[in-house]
mmCIF file of all heavy atoms, coordinates in Angstrom:
data_MODEL
# 
_entry.id   MODEL 
# 
loop_
_atom_site.group_PDB 
_atom_site.id 
_atom_site.type_symbol 
_atom_site.label_atom_id 
_atom_site.label_alt_id 
_atom_site.label_comp_id 
_atom_site.label_asym_id 
_atom_site.label_entity_id 
_atom_site.label_seq_id 
_atom_site.pdbx_PDB_ins_code 
_atom_site.Cartn_x 
_atom_site.Cartn_y 
_atom_site.Cartn_z 
_atom_site.occupancy 
_atom_site.B_iso_or_equiv 
_atom_site.pdbx_formal_charge 
_atom_site.auth_seq_id 
_atom_site.auth_comp_id 
_atom_site.auth_asym_id 
_atom_site.auth_atom_id 
_atom_site.pdbx_PDB_model_num 
ATOM 1   N N   . ILE A 1 1  ? 0.846   -1.195 0.000  1.00 0.00 ? 1  ILE A N   1 
ATOM 2   C CA  . ILE A 1 1  ? 0.000   0.000  0.000  1.00 0.00 ? 1  ILE A CA  1 
ATOM 3   C C   . ILE A 1 1  ? 0.881   1.244  0.000  1.00 0.00 ? 1  ILE A C   1 
ATOM 4   O O   . ILE A 1 1  ? 0.619   2.198  -0.740 1.00 0.00 ? 1  ILE A O   1 
ATOM 5   C CB  . ILE A 1 1  ? -0.989  -0.014 1.182  1.00 0.00 ? 1  ILE A CB  1 
ATOM 6   C CG1 . ILE A 1 1  ? -2.046  -1.104 0.957  1.00 0.00 ? 1  ILE A CG1 1 
ATOM 7   C CG2 . ILE A 1 1  ? -1.653  1.344  1.354  1.00 0.00 ? 1  ILE A CG2 1 
ATOM 8   C CD1 . ILE A 1 1  ? -2.978  -1.323 2.124  1.00 0.00 ? 1  ILE A CD1 1 
ATOM 9   N N   . ASP A 1 2  ? 1.928   1.231  0.821  1.00 0.00 ? 2  ASP A N   1 
ATOM 10  C CA  . ASP A 1 2  ? 2.854   2.374  0.853  1.00 0.00 ? 2  ASP A CA  1 
ATOM 11  C C   . ASP A 1 2  ? 3.535   2.583  -0.495 1.00 0.00 ? 2  ASP A C   1 
ATOM 12  O O   . ASP A 1 2  ? 3.900   3.703  -0.853 1.00 0.00 ? 2  ASP A O   1 
ATOM 13  C CB  . ASP A 1 2  ? 3.912   2.187  1.946  1.00 0.00 ? 2  ASP A CB  1 
ATOM 14  C CG  . ASP A 1 2  ? 3.337   2.357  3.345  1.00 0.00 ? 2  ASP A CG  1 
ATOM 15  O OD1 . ASP A 1 2  ? 2.204   2.872  3.485  1.00 0.00 ? 2  ASP A OD1 1 
ATOM 16  O OD2 . ASP A 1 2  ? 4.036   1.963  4.311  1.00 0.00 ? 2  ASP A OD2 1 
ATOM 17  N N   . ALA A 1 3  ? 3.688   1.491  -1.269 1.00 0.00 ? 3  ALA A N   1 
ATOM 18  C CA  . ALA A 1 3  ? 4.312   1.589  -2.588 1.00 0.00 ? 3  ALA A CA  1 
ATOM 19  C C   . ALA A 1 3  ? 3.317   2.056  -3.655 1.00 0.00 ? 3  ALA A C   1 
ATOM 20  O O   . ALA A 1 3  ? 3.679   2.195  -4.810 1.00 0.00 ? 3  ALA A O   1 
ATOM 21  C CB  . ALA A 1 3  ? 4.902   0.241  -2.986 1.00 0.00 ? 3  ALA A CB  1 
ATOM 22  N N   . GLY A 1 4  ? 2.065   2.267  -3.257 1.00 0.00 ? 4  GLY A N   1 
ATOM 23  C CA  . GLY A 1 4  ? 1.078   2.805  -4.190 1.00 0.00 ? 4  GLY A CA  1 
ATOM 24  C C   . GLY A 1 4  ? 0.079   1.804  -4.726 1.00 0.00 ? 4  GLY A C   1 
ATOM 25  O O   . GLY A 1 4  ? -0.802  2.170  -5.503 1.00 0.00 ? 4  GLY A O   1 
ATOM 26  N N   . GLU A 1 5  ? 0.187   0.556  -4.358 1.00 0.00 ? 5  GLU A N   1 
ATOM 27  C CA  . GLU A 1 5  ? -0.781  -0.430 -4.841 1.00 0.00 ? 5  GLU A CA  1 
ATOM 28  C C   . GLU A 1 5  ? -2.115  -0.232 -4.138 1.00 0.00 ? 5  GLU A C   1 
ATOM 29  O O   . GLU A 1 5  ? -2.180  0.116  -2.965 1.00 0.00 ? 5  GLU A O   1 
ATOM 30  C CB  . GLU A 1 5  ? -0.264  -1.853 -4.586 1.00 0.00 ? 5  GLU A CB  1 
ATOM 31  C CG  . GLU A 1 5  ? 0.907   -2.229 -5.463 1.00 0.00 ? 5  GLU A CG  1 
ATOM 32  C CD  . GLU A 1 5  ? 1.253   -3.704 -5.350 1.00 0.00 ? 5  GLU A CD  1 
ATOM 33  O OE1 . GLU A 1 5  ? 0.332   -4.546 -5.363 1.00 0.00 ? 5  GLU A OE1 1 
ATOM 34  O OE2 . GLU A 1 5  ? 2.455   -4.002 -5.245 1.00 0.00 ? 5  GLU A OE2 1 
ATOM 35  N N   . LYS A 1 6  ? -3.197  -0.479 -4.856 1.00 0.00 ? 6  LYS A N   1 
ATOM 36  C CA  . LYS A 1 6  ? -4.552  -0.399 -4.296 1.00 0.00 ? 6  LYS A CA  1 
ATOM 37  C C   . LYS A 1 6  ? -4.996  -1.819 -3.955 1.00 0.00 ? 6  LYS A C   1 
ATOM 38  O O   . LYS A 1 6  ? -5.099  -2.672 -4.833 1.00 0.00 ? 6  LYS A O   1 
ATOM 39  C CB  . LYS A 1 6  ? -5.521  0.224  -5.302 1.00 0.00 ? 6  LYS A CB  1 
ATOM 40  C CG  . LYS A 1 6  ? -5.128  1.599  -5.776 1.00 0.00 ? 6  LYS A CG  1 
ATOM 41  C CD  . LYS A 1 6  ? -5.329  2.611  -4.681 1.00 0.00 ? 6  LYS A CD  1 
ATOM 42  C CE  . LYS A 1 6  ? -5.014  3.999  -5.220 1.00 0.00 ? 6  LYS A CE  1 
ATOM 43  N NZ  . LYS A 1 6  ? -4.404  4.852  -4.253 1.00 0.00 ? 6  LYS A NZ  1 
ATOM 44  N N   . LEU A 1 7  ? -5.241  -2.055 -2.708 1.00 0.00 ? 7  LEU A N   1 
ATOM 45  C CA  . LEU A 1 7  ? -5.710  -3.367 -2.263 1.00 0.00 ? 7  LEU A CA  1 
ATOM 46  C C   . LEU A 1 7  ? -7.079  -3.186 -1.620 1.00 0.00 ? 7  LEU A C   1 
ATOM 47  O O   . LEU A 1 7  ? -7.186  -2.594 -0.541 1.00 0.00 ? 7  LEU A O   1 
ATOM 48  C CB  . LEU A 1 7  ? -4.726  -3.994 -1.269 1.00 0.00 ? 7  LEU A CB  1 
ATOM 49  C CG  . LEU A 1 7  ? -3.345  -4.342 -1.820 1.00 0.00 ? 7  LEU A CG  1 
ATOM 50  C CD1 . LEU A 1 7  ? -2.423  -4.816 -0.705 1.00 0.00 ? 7  LEU A CD1 1 
ATOM 51  C CD2 . LEU A 1 7  ? -3.461  -5.413 -2.888 1.00 0.00 ? 7  LEU A CD2 1 
ATOM 52  N N   . PRO A 1 8  ? -8.144  -3.665 -2.275 1.00 0.00 ? 8  PRO A N   1 
ATOM 53  C CA  . PRO A 1 8  ? -9.480  -3.502 -1.697 1.00 0.00 ? 8  PRO A CA  1 
ATOM 54  C C   . PRO A 1 8  ? -9.573  -4.206 -0.344 1.00 0.00 ? 8  PRO A C   1 
ATOM 55  O O   . PRO A 1 8  ? -9.038  -5.297 -0.169 1.00 0.00 ? 8  PRO A O   1 
ATOM 56  C CB  . PRO A 1 8  ? -10.409 -4.150 -2.726 1.00 0.00 ? 8  PRO A CB  1 
ATOM 57  C CG  . PRO A 1 8  ? -9.549  -4.811 -3.738 1.00 0.00 ? 8  PRO A CG  1 
ATOM 58  C CD  . PRO A 1 8  ? -8.147  -4.399 -3.511 1.00 0.00 ? 8  PRO A CD  1 
ATOM 59  N N   . GLY A 1 9  ? -10.223 -3.550 0.570  1.00 0.00 ? 9  GLY A N   1 
ATOM 60  C CA  . GLY A 1 9  ? -10.401 -4.139 1.896  1.00 0.00 ? 9  GLY A CA  1 
ATOM 61  C C   . GLY A 1 9  ? -9.310  -3.763 2.869  1.00 0.00 ? 9  GLY A C   1 
ATOM 62  O O   . GLY A 1 9  ? -9.331  -4.190 4.027  1.00 0.00 ? 9  GLY A O   1 
ATOM 63  N N   . ALA A 1 10 ? -8.339  -2.971 2.439  1.00 0.00 ? 10 ALA A N   1 
ATOM 64  C CA  . ALA A 1 10 ? -7.257  -2.566 3.335  1.00 0.00 ? 10 ALA A CA  1 
ATOM 65  C C   . ALA A 1 10 ? -6.926  -1.104 3.082  1.00 0.00 ? 10 ALA A C   1 
ATOM 66  O O   . ALA A 1 10 ? -6.994  -0.623 1.955  1.00 0.00 ? 10 ALA A O   1 
ATOM 67  C CB  . ALA A 1 10 ? -6.022  -3.426 3.107  1.00 0.00 ? 10 ALA A CB  1 
ATOM 68  N N   . ALA A 1 11 ? -6.590  -0.423 4.123  1.00 0.00 ? 11 ALA A N   1 
ATOM 69  C CA  . ALA A 1 11 ? -6.183  0.979  4.019  1.00 0.00 ? 11 ALA A CA  1 
ATOM 70  C C   . ALA A 1 11 ? -5.256  1.283  5.176  1.00 0.00 ? 11 ALA A C   1 
ATOM 71  O O   . ALA A 1 11 ? -5.311  0.633  6.223  1.00 0.00 ? 11 ALA A O   1 
ATOM 72  C CB  . ALA A 1 11 ? -7.402  1.893  4.064  1.00 0.00 ? 11 ALA A CB  1 
ATOM 73  N N   . VAL A 1 12 ? -4.414  2.259  4.973  1.00 0.00 ? 12 VAL A N   1 
ATOM 74  C CA  . VAL A 1 12 ? -3.530  2.710  6.047  1.00 0.00 ? 12 VAL A CA  1 
ATOM 75  C C   . VAL A 1 12 ? -4.170  3.955  6.646  1.00 0.00 ? 12 VAL A C   1 
ATOM 76  O O   . VAL A 1 12 ? -4.521  4.892  5.938  1.00 0.00 ? 12 VAL A O   1 
ATOM 77  C CB  . VAL A 1 12 ? -2.117  3.024  5.507  1.00 0.00 ? 12 VAL A CB  1 
ATOM 78  C CG1 . VAL A 1 12 ? -1.254  3.615  6.604  1.00 0.00 ? 12 VAL A CG1 1 
ATOM 79  C CG2 . VAL A 1 12 ? -1.483  1.766  4.943  1.00 0.00 ? 12 VAL A CG2 1 
ATOM 80  N N   . ARG A 1 13 ? -4.352  3.935  7.951  1.00 0.00 ? 13 ARG A N   1 
ATOM 81  C CA  . ARG A 1 13 ? -4.915  5.078  8.651  1.00 0.00 ? 13 ARG A CA  1 
ATOM 82  C C   . ARG A 1 13 ? -3.817  5.677  9.513  1.00 0.00 ? 13 ARG A C   1 
ATOM 83  O O   . ARG A 1 13 ? -3.181  4.978  10.295 1.00 0.00 ? 13 ARG A O   1 
ATOM 84  C CB  . ARG A 1 13 ? -6.091  4.640  9.520  1.00 0.00 ? 13 ARG A CB  1 
ATOM 85  C CG  . ARG A 1 13 ? -6.727  5.776  10.290 1.00 0.00 ? 13 ARG A CG  1 
ATOM 86  C CD  . ARG A 1 13 ? -7.948  5.351  11.052 1.00 0.00 ? 13 ARG A CD  1 
ATOM 87  N NE  . ARG A 1 13 ? -7.654  4.205  11.919 1.00 0.00 ? 13 ARG A NE  1 
ATOM 88  C CZ  . ARG A 1 13 ? -8.473  3.740  12.828 1.00 0.00 ? 13 ARG A CZ  1 
ATOM 89  N NH1 . ARG A 1 13 ? -9.636  4.281  13.007 1.00 0.00 ? 13 ARG A NH1 1 
ATOM 90  N NH2 . ARG A 1 13 ? -8.135  2.708  13.570 1.00 0.00 ? 13 ARG A NH2 1 
ATOM 91  N N   . SER A 1 14 ? -3.601  6.954  9.355  1.00 0.00 ? 14 SER A N   1 
ATOM 92  C CA  . SER A 1 14 ? -2.564  7.636  10.124 1.00 0.00 ? 14 SER A CA  1 
ATOM 93  C C   . SER A 1 14 ? -3.188  8.805  10.865 1.00 0.00 ? 14 SER A C   1 
ATOM 94  O O   . SER A 1 14 ? -4.217  9.328  10.468 1.00 0.00 ? 14 SER A O   1 
ATOM 95  C CB  . SER A 1 14 ? -1.462  8.158  9.194  1.00 0.00 ? 14 SER A CB  1 
ATOM 96  O OG  . SER A 1 14 ? -0.849  7.083  8.529  1.00 0.00 ? 14 SER A OG  1 
ATOM 97  N N   . GLY A 1 15 ? -2.543  9.195  11.922 1.00 0.00 ? 15 GLY A N   1 
ATOM 98  C CA  . GLY A 1 15 ? -3.015  10.335 12.692 1.00 0.00 ? 15 GLY A CA  1 
ATOM 99  C C   . GLY A 1 15 ? -2.574  10.213 14.126 1.00 0.00 ? 15 GLY A C   1 
ATOM 100 O O   . GLY A 1 15 ? -1.804  9.327  14.495 1.00 0.00 ? 15 GLY A O   1 
ATOM 101 N N   . ASP A 1 16 ? -3.048  11.113 14.912 1.00 0.00 ? 16 ASP A N   1 
ATOM 102 C CA  . ASP A 1 16 ? -2.691  11.135 16.328 1.00 0.00 ? 16 ASP A CA  1 
ATOM 103 C C   . ASP A 1 16 ? -3.660  10.294 17.136 1.00 0.00 ? 16 ASP A C   1 
ATOM 104 O O   . ASP A 1 16 ? -4.828  10.157 16.787 1.00 0.00 ? 16 ASP A O   1 
ATOM 105 C CB  . ASP A 1 16 ? -2.731  12.576 16.860 1.00 0.00 ? 16 ASP A CB  1 
ATOM 106 C CG  . ASP A 1 16 ? -1.684  13.458 16.199 1.00 0.00 ? 16 ASP A CG  1 
ATOM 107 O OD1 . ASP A 1 16 ? -0.631  12.918 15.820 1.00 0.00 ? 16 ASP A OD1 1 
ATOM 108 O OD2 . ASP A 1 16 ? -1.932  14.663 16.070 1.00 0.00 ? 16 ASP A OD2 1 
ATOM 109 N N   . THR A 1 17 ? -3.152  9.729  18.209 1.00 0.00 ? 17 THR A N   1 
ATOM 110 C CA  . THR A 1 17 ? -4.002  9.044  19.168 1.00 0.00 ? 17 THR A CA  1 
ATOM 111 C C   . THR A 1 17 ? -3.709  9.617  20.539 1.00 0.00 ? 17 THR A C   1 
ATOM 112 O O   . THR A 1 17 ? -2.594  10.076 20.816 1.00 0.00 ? 17 THR A O   1 
ATOM 113 C CB  . THR A 1 17 ? -3.724  7.524  19.193 1.00 0.00 ? 17 THR A CB  1 
ATOM 114 O OG1 . THR A 1 17 ? -2.359  7.299  19.521 1.00 0.00 ? 17 THR A OG1 1 
ATOM 115 C CG2 . THR A 1 17 ? -4.042  6.874  17.850 1.00 0.00 ? 17 THR A CG2 1 
ATOM 116 N N   . ALA A 1 18 ? -4.721  9.624  21.379 1.00 0.00 ? 18 ALA A N   1 
ATOM 117 C CA  . ALA A 1 18 ? -4.541  10.103 22.748 1.00 0.00 ? 18 ALA A CA  1 
ATOM 118 C C   . ALA A 1 18 ? -3.909  8.980  23.563 1.00 0.00 ? 18 ALA A C   1 
ATOM 119 O O   . ALA A 1 18 ? -4.289  7.819  23.436 1.00 0.00 ? 18 ALA A O   1 
ATOM 120 C CB  . ALA A 1 18 ? -5.882  10.503 23.356 1.00 0.00 ? 18 ALA A CB  1 
ATOM 121 N N   . VAL A 1 19 ? -2.927  9.312  24.364 1.00 0.00 ? 19 VAL A N   1 
ATOM 122 C CA  . VAL A 1 19 ? -2.208  8.312  25.141 1.00 0.00 ? 19 VAL A CA  1 
ATOM 123 C C   . VAL A 1 19 ? -2.010  8.788  26.572 1.00 0.00 ? 19 VAL A C   1 
ATOM 124 O O   . VAL A 1 19 ? -2.129  9.982  26.861 1.00 0.00 ? 19 VAL A O   1 
ATOM 125 C CB  . VAL A 1 19 ? -0.822  7.992  24.527 1.00 0.00 ? 19 VAL A CB  1 
ATOM 126 C CG1 . VAL A 1 19 ? -0.976  7.435  23.126 1.00 0.00 ? 19 VAL A CG1 1 
ATOM 127 C CG2 . VAL A 1 19 ? 0.068   9.212  24.512 1.00 0.00 ? 19 VAL A CG2 1 
ATOM 128 N N   . TYR A 1 20 ? -1.724  7.853  27.435 1.00 0.00 ? 20 TYR A N   1 
ATOM 129 C CA  . TYR A 1 20 ? -1.257  8.175  28.780 1.00 0.00 ? 20 TYR A CA  1 
ATOM 130 C C   . TYR A 1 20 ? -0.334  7.067  29.212 1.00 0.00 ? 20 TYR A C   1 
ATOM 131 O O   . TYR A 1 20 ? -0.413  5.945  28.725 1.00 0.00 ? 20 TYR A O   1 
ATOM 132 C CB  . TYR A 1 20 ? -2.414  8.374  29.774 1.00 0.00 ? 20 TYR A CB  1 
ATOM 133 C CG  . TYR A 1 20 ? -3.066  7.104  30.265 1.00 0.00 ? 20 TYR A CG  1 
ATOM 134 C CD1 . TYR A 1 20 ? -2.569  6.439  31.382 1.00 0.00 ? 20 TYR A CD1 1 
ATOM 135 C CD2 . TYR A 1 20 ? -4.170  6.575  29.624 1.00 0.00 ? 20 TYR A CD2 1 
ATOM 136 C CE1 . TYR A 1 20 ? -3.168  5.277  31.835 1.00 0.00 ? 20 TYR A CE1 1 
ATOM 137 C CE2 . TYR A 1 20 ? -4.776  5.427  30.069 1.00 0.00 ? 20 TYR A CE2 1 
ATOM 138 C CZ  . TYR A 1 20 ? -4.270  4.782  31.179 1.00 0.00 ? 20 TYR A CZ  1 
ATOM 139 O OH  . TYR A 1 20 ? -4.861  3.634  31.626 1.00 0.00 ? 20 TYR A OH  1 
ATOM 140 N N   . ALA A 1 21 ? 0.570   7.383  30.099 1.00 0.00 ? 21 ALA A N   1 
ATOM 141 C CA  . ALA A 1 21 ? 1.503   6.384  30.619 1.00 0.00 ? 21 ALA A CA  1 
ATOM 142 C C   . ALA A 1 21 ? 1.795   6.712  32.071 1.00 0.00 ? 21 ALA A C   1 
ATOM 143 O O   . ALA A 1 21 ? 2.171   7.831  32.397 1.00 0.00 ? 21 ALA A O   1 
ATOM 144 C CB  . ALA A 1 21 ? 2.795   6.377  29.813 1.00 0.00 ? 21 ALA A CB  1 
ATOM 145 N N   . VAL A 1 22 ? 1.594   5.718  32.908 1.00 0.00 ? 22 VAL A N   1 
ATOM 146 C CA  . VAL A 1 22 ? 1.940   5.859  34.316 1.00 0.00 ? 22 VAL A CA  1 
ATOM 147 C C   . VAL A 1 22 ? 3.404   5.464  34.433 1.00 0.00 ? 22 VAL A C   1 
ATOM 148 O O   . VAL A 1 22 ? 3.844   4.464  33.849 1.00 0.00 ? 22 VAL A O   1 
ATOM 149 C CB  . VAL A 1 22 ? 1.049   4.965  35.201 1.00 0.00 ? 22 VAL A CB  1 
ATOM 150 C CG1 . VAL A 1 22 ? 1.443   5.079  36.654 1.00 0.00 ? 22 VAL A CG1 1 
ATOM 151 C CG2 . VAL A 1 22 ? -0.421  5.329  35.002 1.00 0.00 ? 22 VAL A CG2 1 
ATOM 152 N N   . ASP A 1 23 ? 4.162   6.233  35.165 1.00 0.00 ? 23 ASP A N   1 
ATOM 153 C CA  . ASP A 1 23 ? 5.600   6.018  35.312 1.00 0.00 ? 23 ASP A CA  1 
ATOM 154 C C   . ASP A 1 23 ? 5.870   4.576  35.744 1.00 0.00 ? 23 ASP A C   1 
ATOM 155 O O   . ASP A 1 23 ? 5.339   4.098  36.748 1.00 0.00 ? 23 ASP A O   1 
ATOM 156 C CB  . ASP A 1 23 ? 6.155   7.008  36.337 1.00 0.00 ? 23 ASP A CB  1 
ATOM 157 C CG  . ASP A 1 23 ? 7.668   6.975  36.409 1.00 0.00 ? 23 ASP A CG  1 
ATOM 158 O OD1 . ASP A 1 23 ? 8.227   5.912  36.737 1.00 0.00 ? 23 ASP A OD1 1 
ATOM 159 O OD2 . ASP A 1 23 ? 8.278   8.028  36.149 1.00 0.00 ? 23 ASP A OD2 1 
ATOM 160 N N   . ARG A 1 24 ? 6.675   3.865  34.970 1.00 0.00 ? 24 ARG A N   1 
ATOM 161 C CA  . ARG A 1 24 ? 6.977   2.455  35.225 1.00 0.00 ? 24 ARG A CA  1 
ATOM 162 C C   . ARG A 1 24 ? 7.618   2.259  36.603 1.00 0.00 ? 24 ARG A C   1 
ATOM 163 O O   . ARG A 1 24 ? 7.354   1.265  37.282 1.00 0.00 ? 24 ARG A O   1 
ATOM 164 C CB  . ARG A 1 24 ? 7.910   1.927  34.125 1.00 0.00 ? 24 ARG A CB  1 
ATOM 165 C CG  . ARG A 1 24 ? 8.142   0.451  34.185 1.00 0.00 ? 24 ARG A CG  1 
ATOM 166 C CD  . ARG A 1 24 ? 6.958   -0.290 33.615 1.00 0.00 ? 24 ARG A CD  1 
ATOM 167 N NE  . ARG A 1 24 ? 6.698   -1.462 34.430 1.00 0.00 ? 24 ARG A NE  1 
ATOM 168 C CZ  . ARG A 1 24 ? 5.579   -2.152 34.427 1.00 0.00 ? 24 ARG A CZ  1 
ATOM 169 N NH1 . ARG A 1 24 ? 4.594   -1.803 33.662 1.00 0.00 ? 24 ARG A NH1 1 
ATOM 170 N NH2 . ARG A 1 24 ? 5.431   -3.214 35.181 1.00 0.00 ? 24 ARG A NH2 1 
ATOM 171 N N   . ALA A 1 25 ? 8.458   3.185  37.012 1.00 0.00 ? 25 ALA A N   1 
ATOM 172 C CA  . ALA A 1 25 ? 9.101   3.073  38.325 1.00 0.00 ? 25 ALA A CA  1 
ATOM 173 C C   . ALA A 1 25 ? 8.053   3.125  39.431 1.00 0.00 ? 25 ALA A C   1 
ATOM 174 O O   . ALA A 1 25 ? 8.154   2.414  40.434 1.00 0.00 ? 25 ALA A O   1 
ATOM 175 C CB  . ALA A 1 25 ? 10.132  4.187  38.508 1.00 0.00 ? 25 ALA A CB  1 
ATOM 176 N N   . LEU A 1 26 ? 7.021   3.944  39.252 1.00 0.00 ? 26 LEU A N   1 
ATOM 177 C CA  . LEU A 1 26 ? 5.944   4.014  40.253 1.00 0.00 ? 26 LEU A CA  1 
ATOM 178 C C   . LEU A 1 26 ? 5.129   2.722  40.263 1.00 0.00 ? 26 LEU A C   1 
ATOM 179 O O   . LEU A 1 26 ? 4.713   2.250  41.327 1.00 0.00 ? 26 LEU A O   1 
ATOM 180 C CB  . LEU A 1 26 ? 5.039   5.222  39.979 1.00 0.00 ? 26 LEU A CB  1 
ATOM 181 C CG  . LEU A 1 26 ? 5.667   6.588  40.205 1.00 0.00 ? 26 LEU A CG  1 
ATOM 182 C CD1 . LEU A 1 26 ? 4.716   7.690  39.770 1.00 0.00 ? 26 LEU A CD1 1 
ATOM 183 C CD2 . LEU A 1 26 ? 6.069   6.766  41.670 1.00 0.00 ? 26 LEU A CD2 1 
# 
């Protein structure tokens, strides 16, 4: 897909996602 081929039923979705991380040491 990144090389430009069209494959029905698949797509690349990009963007931001909301995240959180609790400090591993804690």
